[in-house]
């Protein structure tokens, strides 16, 4: 699938914002993170792939929830793991 193709999973979005500002899994283990990502299916907050533990991607592999978005200040982009594409932005 190329970047020009559309995401086929946008109809699965159930969660668009969160008040959480920590990687839930890193907190459990006492680790730190670089950036945070929100699962748009269940609301899980995990750390990005630049972080040591890559909890957002691990959450995808465990659940197959395809869509995340950045919850970093000033960022609203989404990523679809299944289509390997950025389907746009999702403002809170």
PDB file of N, CA and C in Angstrom:
ATOM      1  N   UNK A   1       0.848  -1.175   0.000  1.00  0.00           N
ATOM      2  CA  UNK A   1       0.000   0.000   0.000  1.00  0.00           C
ATOM      3  C   UNK A   1       0.898   1.244   0.000  1.00  0.00           C
ATOM      4  N   UNK A   2       0.584   2.202  -0.799  1.00  0.00           N
ATOM      5  CA  UNK A   2       1.393   3.419  -0.873  1.00  0.00           C
ATOM      6  C   UNK A   2       0.790   4.513  -0.011  1.00  0.00           C
ATOM      7  N   UNK A   3       1.590   5.550   0.221  1.00  0.00           N
ATOM      8  CA  UNK A   3       1.127   6.663   1.047  1.00  0.00           C
ATOM      9  C   UNK A   3      -0.063   7.379   0.410  1.00  0.00           C
ATOM     10  N   UNK A   4      -0.205   7.285  -0.913  1.00  0.00           N
ATOM     11  CA  UNK A   4      -1.292   7.981  -1.597  1.00  0.00           C
ATOM     12  C   UNK A   4      -2.635   7.282  -1.382  1.00  0.00           C
ATOM     13  N   UNK A   5      -2.623   6.014  -1.004  1.00  0.00           N
ATOM     14  CA  UNK A   5      -3.865   5.303  -0.801  1.00  0.00           C
ATOM     15  C   UNK A   5      -4.500   5.712   0.514  1.00  0.00           C
ATOM     16  N   UNK A   6      -5.807   5.612   0.563  1.00  0.00           N
ATOM     17  CA  UNK A   6      -6.552   6.056   1.742  1.00  0.00           C
ATOM     18  C   UNK A   6      -6.620   4.977   2.808  1.00  0.00           C
ATOM     19  N   UNK A   7      -6.710   5.429   4.032  1.00  0.00           N
ATOM     20  CA  UNK A   7      -6.907   4.527   5.159  1.00  0.00           C
ATOM     21  C   UNK A   7      -8.325   3.976   5.098  1.00  0.00           C
ATOM     22  N   UNK A   8      -8.440   2.684   5.310  1.00  0.00           N
ATOM     23  CA  UNK A   8      -9.734   2.012   5.265  1.00  0.00           C
ATOM     24  C   UNK A   8     -10.330   1.787   6.655  1.00  0.00           C
ATOM     25  N   UNK A   9      -9.750   2.437   7.685  1.00  0.00           N
ATOM     26  CA  UNK A   9     -10.150   2.122   9.055  1.00  0.00           C
ATOM     27  C   UNK A   9     -10.698   3.316   9.833  1.00  0.00           C
ATOM     28  N   UNK A  10     -10.902   4.446   9.172  1.00  0.00           N
ATOM     29  CA  UNK A  10     -11.342   5.649   9.884  1.00  0.00           C
ATOM     30  C   UNK A  10     -12.705   5.472  10.552  1.00  0.00           C
ATOM     31  N   UNK A  11     -13.518   4.564  10.048  1.00  0.00           N
ATOM     32  CA  UNK A  11     -14.833   4.334  10.653  1.00  0.00           C
ATOM     33  C   UNK A  11     -14.738   3.607  11.994  1.00  0.00           C
ATOM     34  N   UNK A  12     -13.539   3.180  12.373  1.00  0.00           N
ATOM     35  CA  UNK A  12     -13.348   2.476  13.653  1.00  0.00           C
ATOM     36  C   UNK A  12     -12.993   3.425  14.800  1.00  0.00           C
ATOM     37  N   UNK A  13     -12.805   4.715  14.509  1.00  0.00           N
ATOM     38  CA  UNK A  13     -12.420   5.682  15.549  1.00  0.00           C
ATOM     39  C   UNK A  13     -13.531   5.803  16.583  1.00  0.00           C
ATOM     40  N   UNK A  14     -13.166   5.603  17.855  1.00  0.00           N
ATOM     41  CA  UNK A  14     -14.112   5.730  18.966  1.00  0.00           C
ATOM     42  C   UNK A  14     -13.649   6.764  19.979  1.00  0.00           C
ATOM     43  N   UNK A  15     -12.333   7.008  20.065  1.00  0.00           N
ATOM     44  CA  UNK A  15     -11.752   7.915  21.050  1.00  0.00           C
ATOM     45  C   UNK A  15     -10.946   8.963  20.287  1.00  0.00           C
ATOM     46  N   UNK A  16     -11.176  10.243  20.577  1.00  0.00           N
ATOM     47  CA  UNK A  16     -10.440  11.283  19.848  1.00  0.00           C
ATOM     48  C   UNK A  16      -9.575  12.162  20.741  1.00  0.00           C
ATOM     49  N   UNK A  17      -9.739  12.055  22.061  1.00  0.00           N
ATOM     50  CA  UNK A  17      -8.911  12.859  22.969  1.00  0.00           C
ATOM     51  C   UNK A  17      -8.747  12.126  24.300  1.00  0.00           C
ATOM     52  N   UNK A  18      -7.804  12.629  25.086  1.00  0.00           N
ATOM     53  CA  UNK A  18      -7.543  12.047  26.403  1.00  0.00           C
ATOM     54  C   UNK A  18      -7.021  13.124  27.332  1.00  0.00           C
ATOM     55  N   UNK A  19      -7.192  12.901  28.598  1.00  0.00           N
ATOM     56  CA  UNK A  19      -6.598  13.773  29.615  1.00  0.00           C
ATOM     57  C   UNK A  19      -5.313  13.166  30.155  1.00  0.00           C
ATOM     58  N   UNK A  20      -4.949  11.982  29.684  1.00  0.00           N
ATOM     59  CA  UNK A  20      -3.722  11.316  30.127  1.00  0.00           C
ATOM     60  C   UNK A  20      -2.524  11.959  29.436  1.00  0.00           C
ATOM     61  N   UNK A  21      -1.472  12.180  30.182  1.00  0.00           N
ATOM     62  CA  UNK A  21      -0.252  12.757  29.621  1.00  0.00           C
ATOM     63  C   UNK A  21       0.973  11.951  30.038  1.00  0.00           C
ATOM     64  N   UNK A  22       0.773  10.636  30.154  1.00  0.00           N
ATOM     65  CA  UNK A  22       1.857   9.716  30.492  1.00  0.00           C
ATOM     66  C   UNK A  22       1.690   8.450  29.671  1.00  0.00           C
ATOM     67  N   UNK A  23       2.804   7.767  29.434  1.00  0.00           N
ATOM     68  CA  UNK A  23       2.734   6.428  28.850  1.00  0.00           C
ATOM     69  C   UNK A  23       2.369   5.488  29.997  1.00  0.00           C
ATOM     70  N   UNK A  24       1.187   4.908  29.902  1.00  0.00           N
ATOM     71  CA  UNK A  24       0.686   4.060  30.980  1.00  0.00           C
ATOM     72  C   UNK A  24       1.617   2.882  31.278  1.00  0.00           C
ATOM     73  N   UNK A  25       2.191   2.302  30.242  1.00  0.00           N
ATOM     74  CA  UNK A  25       3.063   1.132  30.433  1.00  0.00           C
ATOM     75  C   UNK A  25       4.420   1.529  30.992  1.00  0.00           C
ATOM     76  N   UNK A  26       4.964   2.678  30.573  1.00  0.00           N
ATOM     77  CA  UNK A  26       6.245   3.137  31.130  1.00  0.00           C
ATOM     78  C   UNK A  26       6.109   3.487  32.606  1.00  0.00           C
ATOM     79  N   UNK A  27       4.990   4.069  32.981  1.00  0.00           N
ATOM     80  CA  UNK A  27       4.764   4.395  34.396  1.00  0.00           C
ATOM     81  C   UNK A  27       4.805   3.126  35.237  1.00  0.00           C
ATOM     82  N   UNK A  28       4.204   2.045  34.735  1.00  0.00           N
ATOM     83  CA  UNK A  28       4.174   0.769  35.471  1.00  0.00           C
ATOM     84  C   UNK A  28       5.569   0.211  35.713  1.00  0.00           C
ATOM     85  N   UNK A  29       6.479   0.455  34.748  1.00  0.00           N
ATOM     86  CA  UNK A  29       7.823  -0.108  34.860  1.00  0.00           C
ATOM     87  C   UNK A  29       8.863   0.899  35.337  1.00  0.00           C
ATOM     88  N   UNK A  30       8.442   2.144  35.555  1.00  0.00           N
ATOM     89  CA  UNK A  30       9.372   3.170  36.016  1.00  0.00           C
ATOM     90  C   UNK A  30      10.258   3.731  34.917  1.00  0.00           C
ATOM     91  N   UNK A  31       9.884   3.524  33.657  1.00  0.00           N
ATOM     92  CA  UNK A  31      10.664   4.025  32.527  1.00  0.00           C
ATOM     93  C   UNK A  31      10.192   5.405  32.091  1.00  0.00           C
ATOM     94  N   UNK A  32      10.925   5.986  31.154  1.00  0.00           N
ATOM     95  CA  UNK A  32      10.573   7.289  30.581  1.00  0.00           C
ATOM     96  C   UNK A  32      10.235   7.110  29.106  1.00  0.00           C
ATOM     97  N   UNK A  33       9.707   8.162  28.495  1.00  0.00           N
ATOM     98  CA  UNK A  33       9.296   8.119  27.100  1.00  0.00           C
ATOM     99  C   UNK A  33       9.695   9.414  26.415  1.00  0.00           C
ATOM    100  N   UNK A  34       9.599   9.420  25.073  1.00  0.00           N
ATOM    101  CA  UNK A  34       9.936  10.596  24.281  1.00  0.00           C
ATOM    102  C   UNK A  34       8.660  11.351  23.897  1.00  0.00           C
ATOM    103  N   UNK A  35       7.758  10.691  23.171  1.00  0.00           N
ATOM    104  CA  UNK A  35       6.491  11.294  22.734  1.00  0.00           C
ATOM    105  C   UNK A  35       5.358  10.320  23.011  1.00  0.00           C
ATOM    106  N   UNK A  36       4.139  10.851  23.055  1.00  0.00           N
ATOM    107  CA  UNK A  36       2.974  10.033  23.386  1.00  0.00           C
ATOM    108  C   UNK A  36       2.028   9.890  22.207  1.00  0.00           C
ATOM    109  N   UNK A  37       1.408   8.710  22.117  1.00  0.00           N
ATOM    110  CA  UNK A  37       0.445   8.403  21.074  1.00  0.00           C
ATOM    111  C   UNK A  37      -0.832   7.854  21.707  1.00  0.00           C
ATOM    112  N   UNK A  38      -1.974   8.234  21.137  1.00  0.00           N
ATOM    113  CA  UNK A  38      -3.283   7.816  21.626  1.00  0.00           C
ATOM    114  C   UNK A  38      -3.891   6.803  20.667  1.00  0.00           C
ATOM    115  N   UNK A  39      -4.306   5.652  21.179  1.00  0.00           N
ATOM    116  CA  UNK A  39      -5.042   4.692  20.365  1.00  0.00           C
ATOM    117  C   UNK A  39      -6.446   5.245  20.148  1.00  0.00           C
ATOM    118  N   UNK A  40      -6.827   5.410  18.895  1.00  0.00           N
ATOM    119  CA  UNK A  40      -8.128   5.991  18.577  1.00  0.00           C
ATOM    120  C   UNK A  40      -9.265   4.980  18.662  1.00  0.00           C
ATOM    121  N   UNK A  41      -8.942   3.750  18.987  1.00  0.00           N
ATOM    122  CA  UNK A  41      -9.960   2.717  19.134  1.00  0.00           C
ATOM    123  C   UNK A  41     -10.362   2.561  20.606  1.00  0.00           C
ATOM    124  N   UNK A  42      -9.365   2.493  21.512  1.00  0.00           N
ATOM    125  CA  UNK A  42      -9.690   2.218  22.921  1.00  0.00           C
ATOM    126  C   UNK A  42      -9.215   3.298  23.899  1.00  0.00           C
ATOM    127  N   UNK A  43      -8.388   4.247  23.445  1.00  0.00           N
ATOM    128  CA  UNK A  43      -7.928   5.310  24.329  1.00  0.00           C
ATOM    129  C   UNK A  43      -6.630   5.025  25.063  1.00  0.00           C
ATOM    130  N   UNK A  44      -5.979   3.906  24.790  1.00  0.00           N
ATOM    131  CA  UNK A  44      -4.698   3.602  25.428  1.00  0.00           C
ATOM    132  C   UNK A  44      -3.664   4.652  25.016  1.00  0.00           C
ATOM    133  N   UNK A  45      -2.873   5.123  25.973  1.00  0.00           N
ATOM    134  CA  UNK A  45      -1.788   6.059  25.680  1.00  0.00           C
ATOM    135  C   UNK A  45      -0.474   5.311  25.822  1.00  0.00           C
ATOM    136  N   UNK A  46       0.327   5.324  24.753  1.00  0.00           N
ATOM    137  CA  UNK A  46       1.613   4.650  24.753  1.00  0.00           C
ATOM    138  C   UNK A  46       2.693   5.534  24.174  1.00  0.00           C
ATOM    139  N   UNK A  47       3.927   5.145  24.397  1.00  0.00           N
ATOM    140  CA  UNK A  47       5.063   5.927  23.906  1.00  0.00           C
ATOM    141  C   UNK A  47       5.364   5.601  22.444  1.00  0.00           C
ATOM    142  N   UNK A  48       6.001   6.541  21.772  1.00  0.00           N
ATOM    143  CA  UNK A  48       6.288   6.446  20.337  1.00  0.00           C
ATOM    144  C   UNK A  48       7.450   5.504  20.042  1.00  0.00           C
ATOM    145  N   UNK A  49       7.717   5.293  18.772  1.00  0.00           N
ATOM    146  CA  UNK A  49       8.801   4.411  18.362  1.00  0.00           C
ATOM    147  C   UNK A  49      10.183   5.008  18.589  1.00  0.00           C
ATOM    148  N   UNK A  50      10.264   6.298  18.901  1.00  0.00           N
ATOM    149  CA  UNK A  50      11.547   6.902  19.290  1.00  0.00           C
ATOM    150  C   UNK A  50      11.864   6.624  20.751  1.00  0.00           C
ATOM    151  N   UNK A  51      10.871   6.166  21.483  1.00  0.00           N
ATOM    152  CA  UNK A  51      11.052   5.806  22.892  1.00  0.00           C
ATOM    153  C   UNK A  51      11.613   4.389  22.983  1.00  0.00           C
ATOM    154  N   UNK A  52      12.305   4.112  24.066  1.00  0.00           N
ATOM    155  CA  UNK A  52      12.955   2.813  24.259  1.00  0.00           C
ATOM    156  C   UNK A  52      11.971   1.645  24.152  1.00  0.00           C
ATOM    157  N   UNK A  53      10.784   1.792  24.736  1.00  0.00           N
ATOM    158  CA  UNK A  53       9.859   0.668  24.836  1.00  0.00           C
ATOM    159  C   UNK A  53       8.839   0.548  23.704  1.00  0.00           C
ATOM    160  N   UNK A  54       8.613   1.607  22.948  1.00  0.00           N
ATOM    161  CA  UNK A  54       7.699   1.580  21.791  1.00  0.00           C
ATOM    162  C   UNK A  54       6.333   1.002  22.158  1.00  0.00           C
ATOM    163  N   UNK A  55       5.756   1.474  23.256  1.00  0.00           N
ATOM    164  CA  UNK A  55       4.514   0.891  23.756  1.00  0.00           C
ATOM    165  C   UNK A  55       3.313   1.107  22.835  1.00  0.00           C
ATOM    166  N   UNK A  56       3.269   2.196  22.081  1.00  0.00           N
ATOM    167  CA  UNK A  56       2.135   2.391  21.163  1.00  0.00           C
ATOM    168  C   UNK A  56       2.124   1.296  20.101  1.00  0.00           C
ATOM    169  N   UNK A  57       3.273   0.992  19.529  1.00  0.00           N
ATOM    170  CA  UNK A  57       3.359  -0.067  18.524  1.00  0.00           C
ATOM    171  C   UNK A  57       3.117  -1.436  19.152  1.00  0.00           C
ATOM    172  N   UNK A  58       3.626  -1.658  20.357  1.00  0.00           N
ATOM    173  CA  UNK A  58       3.357  -2.924  21.047  1.00  0.00           C
ATOM    174  C   UNK A  58       1.862  -3.090  21.303  1.00  0.00           C
ATOM    175  N   UNK A  59       1.176  -1.987  21.625  1.00  0.00           N
ATOM    176  CA  UNK A  59      -0.277  -2.036  21.829  1.00  0.00           C
ATOM    177  C   UNK A  59      -0.970  -2.459  20.528  1.00  0.00           C
ATOM    178  N   UNK A  60      -0.528  -1.907  19.401  1.00  0.00           N
ATOM    179  CA  UNK A  60      -1.103  -2.312  18.115  1.00  0.00           C
ATOM    180  C   UNK A  60      -0.912  -3.808  17.880  1.00  0.00           C
ATOM    181  N   UNK A  61       0.300  -4.314  18.104  1.00  0.00           N
ATOM    182  CA  UNK A  61       0.560  -5.740  17.863  1.00  0.00           C
ATOM    183  C   UNK A  61      -0.271  -6.627  18.786  1.00  0.00           C
ATOM    184  N   UNK A  62      -0.544  -6.165  20.000  1.00  0.00           N
ATOM    185  CA  UNK A  62      -1.324  -6.953  20.953  1.00  0.00           C
ATOM    186  C   UNK A  62      -2.826  -6.902  20.663  1.00  0.00           C
ATOM    187  N   UNK A  63      -3.306  -5.773  20.135  1.00  0.00           N
ATOM    188  CA  UNK A  63      -4.749  -5.572  19.978  1.00  0.00           C
ATOM    189  C   UNK A  63      -5.231  -5.512  18.539  1.00  0.00           C
ATOM    190  N   UNK A  64      -4.311  -5.201  17.620  1.00  0.00           N
ATOM    191  CA  UNK A  64      -4.631  -4.944  16.207  1.00  0.00           C
ATOM    192  C   UNK A  64      -5.486  -3.687  16.029  1.00  0.00           C
ATOM    193  N   UNK A  65      -5.480  -2.783  17.010  1.00  0.00           N
ATOM    194  CA  UNK A  65      -6.144  -1.484  16.864  1.00  0.00           C
ATOM    195  C   UNK A  65      -5.300  -0.656  15.902  1.00  0.00           C
ATOM    196  N   UNK A  66      -5.819  -0.311  14.714  1.00  0.00           N
ATOM    197  CA  UNK A  66      -4.973   0.224  13.653  1.00  0.00           C
ATOM    198  C   UNK A  66      -4.605   1.704  13.747  1.00  0.00           C
ATOM    199  N   UNK A  67      -5.368   2.509  14.446  1.00  0.00           N
ATOM    200  CA  UNK A  67      -5.173   3.964  14.372  1.00  0.00           C
ATOM    201  C   UNK A  67      -4.675   4.581  15.670  1.00  0.00           C
ATOM    202  N   UNK A  68      -3.632   5.409  15.533  1.00  0.00           N
ATOM    203  CA  UNK A  68      -3.150   6.215  16.650  1.00  0.00           C
ATOM    204  C   UNK A  68      -3.071   7.654  16.189  1.00  0.00           C
ATOM    205  N   UNK A  69      -2.962   8.559  17.148  1.00  0.00           N
ATOM    206  CA  UNK A  69      -2.676   9.952  16.828  1.00  0.00           C
ATOM    207  C   UNK A  69      -1.669  10.472  17.830  1.00  0.00           C
ATOM    208  N   UNK A  70      -0.934  11.481  17.391  1.00  0.00           N
ATOM    209  CA  UNK A  70      -0.016  12.141  18.305  1.00  0.00           C
ATOM    210  C   UNK A  70      -0.823  12.978  19.281  1.00  0.00           C
ATOM    211  N   UNK A  71      -0.428  12.944  20.545  1.00  0.00           N
ATOM    212  CA  UNK A  71      -1.050  13.853  21.519  1.00  0.00           C
ATOM    213  C   UNK A  71      -0.018  14.836  22.051  1.00  0.00           C
ATOM    214  N   UNK A  72       1.029  15.045  21.252  1.00  0.00           N
ATOM    215  CA  UNK A  72       2.027  16.061  21.593  1.00  0.00           C
ATOM    216  C   UNK A  72       1.448  17.444  21.300  1.00  0.00           C
ATOM    217  N   UNK A  73       1.794  18.446  22.105  1.00  0.00           N
ATOM    218  CA  UNK A  73       1.280  19.802  21.881  1.00  0.00           C
ATOM    219  C   UNK A  73       1.558  20.270  20.443  1.00  0.00           C
ATOM    220  N   UNK A  74       0.513  20.785  19.796  1.00  0.00           N
ATOM    221  CA  UNK A  74       0.639  21.311  18.443  1.00  0.00           C
ATOM    222  C   UNK A  74       0.593  20.264  17.346  1.00  0.00           C
ATOM    223  N   UNK A  75       0.465  18.982  17.694  1.00  0.00           N
ATOM    224  CA  UNK A  75       0.407  17.912  16.694  1.00  0.00           C
ATOM    225  C   UNK A  75      -0.964  17.250  16.712  1.00  0.00           C
ATOM    226  N   UNK A  76      -1.461  16.902  15.534  1.00  0.00           N
ATOM    227  CA  UNK A  76      -2.759  16.245  15.442  1.00  0.00           C
ATOM    228  C   UNK A  76      -2.773  15.137  14.391  1.00  0.00           C
ATOM    229  N   UNK A  77      -1.595  14.738  13.887  1.00  0.00           N
ATOM    230  CA  UNK A  77      -1.555  13.734  12.832  1.00  0.00           C
ATOM    231  C   UNK A  77      -1.939  12.361  13.365  1.00  0.00           C
ATOM    232  N   UNK A  78      -2.487  11.565  12.456  1.00  0.00           N
ATOM    233  CA  UNK A  78      -2.852  10.182  12.757  1.00  0.00           C
ATOM    234  C   UNK A  78      -1.933   9.254  11.974  1.00  0.00           C
ATOM    235  N   UNK A  79      -1.851   8.002  12.411  1.00  0.00           N
ATOM    236  CA  UNK A  79      -1.114   6.967  11.701  1.00  0.00           C
ATOM    237  C   UNK A  79      -1.966   5.709  11.705  1.00  0.00           C
ATOM    238  N   UNK A  80      -2.063   5.065  10.547  1.00  0.00           N
ATOM    239  CA  UNK A  80      -2.736   3.779  10.449  1.00  0.00           C
ATOM    240  C   UNK A  80      -1.673   2.711  10.265  1.00  0.00           C
ATOM    241  N   UNK A  81      -1.539   1.828  11.240  1.00  0.00           N
ATOM    242  CA  UNK A  81      -0.561   0.747  11.170  1.00  0.00           C
ATOM    243  C   UNK A  81      -0.869  -0.217  10.020  1.00  0.00           C
ATOM    244  N   UNK A  82      -2.137  -0.538   9.821  1.00  0.00           N
ATOM    245  CA  UNK A  82      -2.494  -1.529   8.812  1.00  0.00           C
ATOM    246  C   UNK A  82      -2.281  -1.025   7.392  1.00  0.00           C
ATOM    247  N   UNK A  83      -2.564   0.242   7.139  1.00  0.00           N
ATOM    248  CA  UNK A  83      -2.408   0.806   5.798  1.00  0.00           C
ATOM    249  C   UNK A  83      -1.076   1.532   5.619  1.00  0.00           C
ATOM    250  N   UNK A  84      -0.282   1.626   6.685  1.00  0.00           N
ATOM    251  CA  UNK A  84       1.007   2.336   6.649  1.00  0.00           C
ATOM    252  C   UNK A  84       0.869   3.709   6.000  1.00  0.00           C
ATOM    253  N   UNK A  85      -0.068   4.477   6.519  1.00  0.00           N
ATOM    254  CA  UNK A  85      -0.336   5.788   5.956  1.00  0.00           C
ATOM    255  C   UNK A  85      -0.718   6.798   7.035  1.00  0.00           C
ATOM    256  N   UNK A  86      -0.537   8.061   6.713  1.00  0.00           N
ATOM    257  CA  UNK A  86      -0.998   9.155   7.570  1.00  0.00           C
ATOM    258  C   UNK A  86      -2.313   9.642   6.966  1.00  0.00           C
ATOM    259  N   UNK A  87      -3.451   9.231   7.534  1.00  0.00           N
ATOM    260  CA  UNK A  87      -4.730   9.553   6.910  1.00  0.00           C
ATOM    261  C   UNK A  87      -5.198  10.993   7.128  1.00  0.00           C
ATOM    262  N   UNK A  88      -4.408  11.794   7.787  1.00  0.00           N
ATOM    263  CA  UNK A  88      -4.781  13.198   8.009  1.00  0.00           C
ATOM    264  C   UNK A  88      -4.540  13.612   9.439  1.00  0.00           C
ATOM    265  N   UNK A  89      -5.239  14.666   9.834  1.00  0.00           N
ATOM    266  CA  UNK A  89      -5.144  15.180  11.200  1.00  0.00           C
ATOM    267  C   UNK A  89      -6.473  15.032  11.891  1.00  0.00           C
ATOM    268  N   UNK A  90      -6.407  14.922  13.204  1.00  0.00           N
ATOM    269  CA  UNK A  90      -7.614  14.801  14.015  1.00  0.00           C
ATOM    270  C   UNK A  90      -7.461  15.750  15.192  1.00  0.00           C
ATOM    271  N   UNK A  91      -8.098  16.884  15.113  1.00  0.00           N
ATOM    272  CA  UNK A  91      -8.007  17.880  16.185  1.00  0.00           C
ATOM    273  C   UNK A  91      -8.861  17.429  17.366  1.00  0.00           C
ATOM    274  N   UNK A  92      -8.372  17.750  18.575  1.00  0.00           N
ATOM    275  CA  UNK A  92      -9.140  17.411  19.790  1.00  0.00           C
ATOM    276  C   UNK A  92     -10.349  18.293  19.895  1.00  0.00           C
TER     277      UNK A  92
END
